[in-house]
């Protein structure tokens, strides 16, 4: 079944921001979400740490 839902329901992002006006396709995002490792976040925590270290 496919229908639009609020994208905030999928917690894939390391830095959380709410955008309730954005909708995603339930079937597609559910398939993406179940295909990823359980602790997967975007961007990767290692990359975030490197960015913090390189900031002036």
PDB file of N, CA and C in Angstrom:
ATOM      1  N   UNK A   1       0.853  -1.181   0.000  1.00  0.00           N
ATOM      2  CA  UNK A   1       0.000   0.000   0.000  1.00  0.00           C
ATOM      3  C   UNK A   1       0.894   1.237   0.000  1.00  0.00           C
ATOM      4  N   UNK A   2       0.514   2.209  -0.761  1.00  0.00           N
ATOM      5  CA  UNK A   2       1.304   3.431  -0.828  1.00  0.00           C
ATOM      6  C   UNK A   2       0.417   4.643  -0.555  1.00  0.00           C
ATOM      7  N   UNK A   3       0.908   5.503   0.310  1.00  0.00           N
ATOM      8  CA  UNK A   3       0.200   6.736   0.639  1.00  0.00           C
ATOM      9  C   UNK A   3       1.187   7.674   1.316  1.00  0.00           C
ATOM     10  N   UNK A   4       0.938   8.981   1.248  1.00  0.00           N
ATOM     11  CA  UNK A   4       1.858   9.942   1.857  1.00  0.00           C
ATOM     12  C   UNK A   4       1.720   9.981   3.377  1.00  0.00           C
ATOM     13  N   UNK A   5       2.852  10.095   4.041  1.00  0.00           N
ATOM     14  CA  UNK A   5       2.880  10.276   5.497  1.00  0.00           C
ATOM     15  C   UNK A   5       3.913  11.344   5.818  1.00  0.00           C
ATOM     16  N   UNK A   6       3.879  11.876   7.013  1.00  0.00           N
ATOM     17  CA  UNK A   6       4.831  12.896   7.447  1.00  0.00           C
ATOM     18  C   UNK A   6       6.217  12.266   7.558  1.00  0.00           C
ATOM     19  N   UNK A   7       7.194  12.874   6.913  1.00  0.00           N
ATOM     20  CA  UNK A   7       8.551  12.346   6.902  1.00  0.00           C
ATOM     21  C   UNK A   7       9.207  12.298   8.268  1.00  0.00           C
ATOM     22  N   UNK A   8       8.716  13.068   9.219  1.00  0.00           N
ATOM     23  CA  UNK A   8       9.292  13.084  10.569  1.00  0.00           C
ATOM     24  C   UNK A   8       9.170  11.728  11.274  1.00  0.00           C
ATOM     25  N   UNK A   9       8.324  10.845  10.768  1.00  0.00           N
ATOM     26  CA  UNK A   9       8.155   9.535  11.390  1.00  0.00           C
ATOM     27  C   UNK A   9       9.388   8.660  11.218  1.00  0.00           C
ATOM     28  N   UNK A  10      10.221   8.982  10.238  1.00  0.00           N
ATOM     29  CA  UNK A  10      11.438   8.209   9.990  1.00  0.00           C
ATOM     30  C   UNK A  10      12.619   8.951  10.579  1.00  0.00           C
ATOM     31  N   UNK A  11      13.225   8.347  11.554  1.00  0.00           N
ATOM     32  CA  UNK A  11      14.291   8.972  12.330  1.00  0.00           C
ATOM     33  C   UNK A  11      15.653   8.516  11.810  1.00  0.00           C
ATOM     34  N   UNK A  12      16.012   8.926  10.578  1.00  0.00           N
ATOM     35  CA  UNK A  12      17.267   8.506   9.963  1.00  0.00           C
ATOM     36  C   UNK A  12      18.384   9.518  10.128  1.00  0.00           C
ATOM     37  N   UNK A  13      18.061  10.688  10.622  1.00  0.00           N
ATOM     38  CA  UNK A  13      19.037  11.762  10.614  1.00  0.00           C
ATOM     39  C   UNK A  13      19.619  12.017  11.996  1.00  0.00           C
ATOM     40  N   UNK A  14      20.943  12.127  12.033  1.00  0.00           N
ATOM     41  CA  UNK A  14      21.670  12.344  13.286  1.00  0.00           C
ATOM     42  C   UNK A  14      21.261  13.671  13.928  1.00  0.00           C
ATOM     43  N   UNK A  15      21.115  14.698  13.113  1.00  0.00           N
ATOM     44  CA  UNK A  15      20.687  16.019  13.598  1.00  0.00           C
ATOM     45  C   UNK A  15      19.200  16.139  13.294  1.00  0.00           C
ATOM     46  N   UNK A  16      18.405  16.129  14.328  1.00  0.00           N
ATOM     47  CA  UNK A  16      16.955  16.116  14.166  1.00  0.00           C
ATOM     48  C   UNK A  16      16.398  17.517  13.930  1.00  0.00           C
ATOM     49  N   UNK A  17      15.613  17.633  12.881  1.00  0.00           N
ATOM     50  CA  UNK A  17      14.861  18.849  12.597  1.00  0.00           C
ATOM     51  C   UNK A  17      13.477  18.414  12.142  1.00  0.00           C
ATOM     52  N   UNK A  18      12.474  19.092  12.605  1.00  0.00           N
ATOM     53  CA  UNK A  18      11.114  18.736  12.243  1.00  0.00           C
ATOM     54  C   UNK A  18      10.657  19.542  11.028  1.00  0.00           C
ATOM     55  N   UNK A  19      10.080  18.831  10.080  1.00  0.00           N
ATOM     56  CA  UNK A  19       9.503  19.454   8.884  1.00  0.00           C
ATOM     57  C   UNK A  19       8.164  18.771   8.601  1.00  0.00           C
ATOM     58  N   UNK A  20       7.160  19.053   9.421  1.00  0.00           N
ATOM     59  CA  UNK A  20       5.877  18.357   9.282  1.00  0.00           C
ATOM     60  C   UNK A  20       5.183  18.611   7.944  1.00  0.00           C
ATOM     61  N   UNK A  21       5.603  19.637   7.225  1.00  0.00           N
ATOM     62  CA  UNK A  21       4.985  19.936   5.931  1.00  0.00           C
ATOM     63  C   UNK A  21       5.490  19.006   4.820  1.00  0.00           C
ATOM     64  N   UNK A  22       6.583  18.278   5.080  1.00  0.00           N
ATOM     65  CA  UNK A  22       7.138  17.368   4.079  1.00  0.00           C
ATOM     66  C   UNK A  22       6.555  15.973   4.257  1.00  0.00           C
ATOM     67  N   UNK A  23       6.072  15.431   3.156  1.00  0.00           N
ATOM     68  CA  UNK A  23       5.514  14.089   3.189  1.00  0.00           C
ATOM     69  C   UNK A  23       6.356  13.154   2.340  1.00  0.00           C
ATOM     70  N   UNK A  24       6.396  11.890   2.731  1.00  0.00           N
ATOM     71  CA  UNK A  24       7.121  10.864   1.983  1.00  0.00           C
ATOM     72  C   UNK A  24       6.171   9.718   1.667  1.00  0.00           C
ATOM     73  N   UNK A  25       6.524   8.934   0.679  1.00  0.00           N
ATOM     74  CA  UNK A  25       5.721   7.785   0.312  1.00  0.00           C
ATOM     75  C   UNK A  25       5.967   6.666   1.318  1.00  0.00           C
ATOM     76  N   UNK A  26       4.918   6.204   1.957  1.00  0.00           N
ATOM     77  CA  UNK A  26       5.019   5.197   3.016  1.00  0.00           C
ATOM     78  C   UNK A  26       5.731   3.929   2.545  1.00  0.00           C
ATOM     79  N   UNK A  27       5.326   3.386   1.425  1.00  0.00           N
ATOM     80  CA  UNK A  27       5.883   2.115   0.950  1.00  0.00           C
ATOM     81  C   UNK A  27       7.370   2.236   0.643  1.00  0.00           C
ATOM     82  N   UNK A  28       7.755   3.309  -0.021  1.00  0.00           N
ATOM     83  CA  UNK A  28       9.163   3.492  -0.384  1.00  0.00           C
ATOM     84  C   UNK A  28      10.025   3.709   0.850  1.00  0.00           C
ATOM     85  N   UNK A  29       9.615   4.622   1.728  1.00  0.00           N
ATOM     86  CA  UNK A  29      10.433   4.897   2.917  1.00  0.00           C
ATOM     87  C   UNK A  29      10.447   3.725   3.887  1.00  0.00           C
ATOM     88  N   UNK A  30       9.385   2.974   3.939  1.00  0.00           N
ATOM     89  CA  UNK A  30       9.377   1.795   4.797  1.00  0.00           C
ATOM     90  C   UNK A  30      10.383   0.769   4.263  1.00  0.00           C
ATOM     91  N   UNK A  31      10.437   0.603   2.956  1.00  0.00           N
ATOM     92  CA  UNK A  31      11.398  -0.322   2.358  1.00  0.00           C
ATOM     93  C   UNK A  31      12.829   0.149   2.603  1.00  0.00           C
ATOM     94  N   UNK A  32      13.078   1.440   2.448  1.00  0.00           N
ATOM     95  CA  UNK A  32      14.407   1.992   2.726  1.00  0.00           C
ATOM     96  C   UNK A  32      14.760   1.762   4.188  1.00  0.00           C
ATOM     97  N   UNK A  33      13.869   2.111   5.078  1.00  0.00           N
ATOM     98  CA  UNK A  33      14.117   2.022   6.516  1.00  0.00           C
ATOM     99  C   UNK A  33      14.400   0.587   6.963  1.00  0.00           C
ATOM    100  N   UNK A  34      13.679  -0.373   6.439  1.00  0.00           N
ATOM    101  CA  UNK A  34      13.897  -1.762   6.842  1.00  0.00           C
ATOM    102  C   UNK A  34      15.132  -2.369   6.192  1.00  0.00           C
ATOM    103  N   UNK A  35      15.657  -1.738   5.145  1.00  0.00           N
ATOM    104  CA  UNK A  35      16.863  -2.240   4.467  1.00  0.00           C
ATOM    105  C   UNK A  35      18.151  -1.754   5.121  1.00  0.00           C
ATOM    106  N   UNK A  36      18.063  -0.734   5.937  1.00  0.00           N
ATOM    107  CA  UNK A  36      19.249  -0.153   6.567  1.00  0.00           C
ATOM    108  C   UNK A  36      19.576  -0.859   7.881  1.00  0.00           C
ATOM    109  N   UNK A  37      20.858  -0.834   8.280  1.00  0.00           N
ATOM    110  CA  UNK A  37      21.210  -1.380   9.601  1.00  0.00           C
ATOM    111  C   UNK A  37      20.430  -0.661  10.702  1.00  0.00           C
ATOM    112  N   UNK A  38      20.201  -1.336  11.802  1.00  0.00           N
ATOM    113  CA  UNK A  38      19.353  -0.813  12.884  1.00  0.00           C
ATOM    114  C   UNK A  38      19.811   0.550  13.398  1.00  0.00           C
ATOM    115  N   UNK A  39      21.115   0.763  13.541  1.00  0.00           N
ATOM    116  CA  UNK A  39      21.636   2.009  14.112  1.00  0.00           C
ATOM    117  C   UNK A  39      22.041   3.030  13.059  1.00  0.00           C
ATOM    118  N   UNK A  40      21.631   2.862  11.827  1.00  0.00           N
ATOM    119  CA  UNK A  40      22.061   3.733  10.736  1.00  0.00           C
ATOM    120  C   UNK A  40      21.507   5.146  10.900  1.00  0.00           C
ATOM    121  N   UNK A  41      22.379   6.126  10.724  1.00  0.00           N
ATOM    122  CA  UNK A  41      21.989   7.541  10.786  1.00  0.00           C
ATOM    123  C   UNK A  41      22.683   8.293   9.659  1.00  0.00           C
ATOM    124  N   UNK A  42      22.086   9.375   9.209  1.00  0.00           N
ATOM    125  CA  UNK A  42      22.670  10.257   8.199  1.00  0.00           C
ATOM    126  C   UNK A  42      22.937  11.612   8.815  1.00  0.00           C
ATOM    127  N   UNK A  43      24.023  12.277   8.583  1.00  0.00           N
ATOM    128  CA  UNK A  43      25.251  11.651   8.131  1.00  0.00           C
ATOM    129  C   UNK A  43      25.833  10.794   9.239  1.00  0.00           C
ATOM    130  N   UNK A  44      26.793  10.011   8.894  1.00  0.00           N
ATOM    131  CA  UNK A  44      27.457   9.111   9.822  1.00  0.00           C
ATOM    132  C   UNK A  44      28.080   9.901  10.979  1.00  0.00           C
ATOM    133  N   UNK A  45      28.037   9.347  12.180  1.00  0.00           N
ATOM    134  CA  UNK A  45      28.566  10.031  13.371  1.00  0.00           C
ATOM    135  C   UNK A  45      30.050  10.347  13.218  1.00  0.00           C
ATOM    136  N   UNK A  46      30.818   9.473  12.569  1.00  0.00           N
ATOM    137  CA  UNK A  46      32.250   9.739  12.349  1.00  0.00           C
ATOM    138  C   UNK A  46      32.460  10.961  11.472  1.00  0.00           C
ATOM    139  N   UNK A  47      31.657  11.103  10.460  1.00  0.00           N
ATOM    140  CA  UNK A  47      31.766  12.275   9.579  1.00  0.00           C
ATOM    141  C   UNK A  47      31.407  13.540  10.344  1.00  0.00           C
ATOM    142  N   UNK A  48      30.357  13.489  11.161  1.00  0.00           N
ATOM    143  CA  UNK A  48      29.992  14.649  11.965  1.00  0.00           C
ATOM    144  C   UNK A  48      31.126  15.061  12.900  1.00  0.00           C
ATOM    145  N   UNK A  49      31.778  14.084  13.510  1.00  0.00           N
ATOM    146  CA  UNK A  49      32.883  14.382  14.420  1.00  0.00           C
ATOM    147  C   UNK A  49      34.035  15.024  13.665  1.00  0.00           C
ATOM    148  N   UNK A  50      34.350  14.525  12.496  1.00  0.00           N
ATOM    149  CA  UNK A  50      35.421  15.121  11.681  1.00  0.00           C
ATOM    150  C   UNK A  50      35.089  16.546  11.283  1.00  0.00           C
ATOM    151  N   UNK A  51      33.835  16.787  10.956  1.00  0.00           N
ATOM    152  CA  UNK A  51      33.429  18.147  10.613  1.00  0.00           C
ATOM    153  C   UNK A  51      33.568  19.089  11.801  1.00  0.00           C
ATOM    154  N   UNK A  52      33.210  18.611  12.984  1.00  0.00           N
ATOM    155  CA  UNK A  52      33.353  19.423  14.190  1.00  0.00           C
ATOM    156  C   UNK A  52      34.814  19.755  14.451  1.00  0.00           C
ATOM    157  N   UNK A  53      35.705  18.799  14.240  1.00  0.00           N
ATOM    158  CA  UNK A  53      37.124  18.994  14.486  1.00  0.00           C
ATOM    159  C   UNK A  53      37.742  19.967  13.495  1.00  0.00           C
ATOM    160  N   UNK A  54      37.203  20.019  12.274  1.00  0.00           N
ATOM    161  CA  UNK A  54      37.791  20.894  11.261  1.00  0.00           C
ATOM    162  C   UNK A  54      37.192  22.287  11.257  1.00  0.00           C
ATOM    163  N   UNK A  55      36.146  22.508  12.039  1.00  0.00           N
ATOM    164  CA  UNK A  55      35.509  23.826  12.096  1.00  0.00           C
ATOM    165  C   UNK A  55      36.433  24.816  12.802  1.00  0.00           C
ATOM    166  N   UNK A  56      36.449  26.050  12.321  1.00  0.00           N
ATOM    167  CA  UNK A  56      37.329  27.063  12.954  1.00  0.00           C
ATOM    168  C   UNK A  56      36.920  27.410  14.377  1.00  0.00           C
TER     169      UNK A  56
END
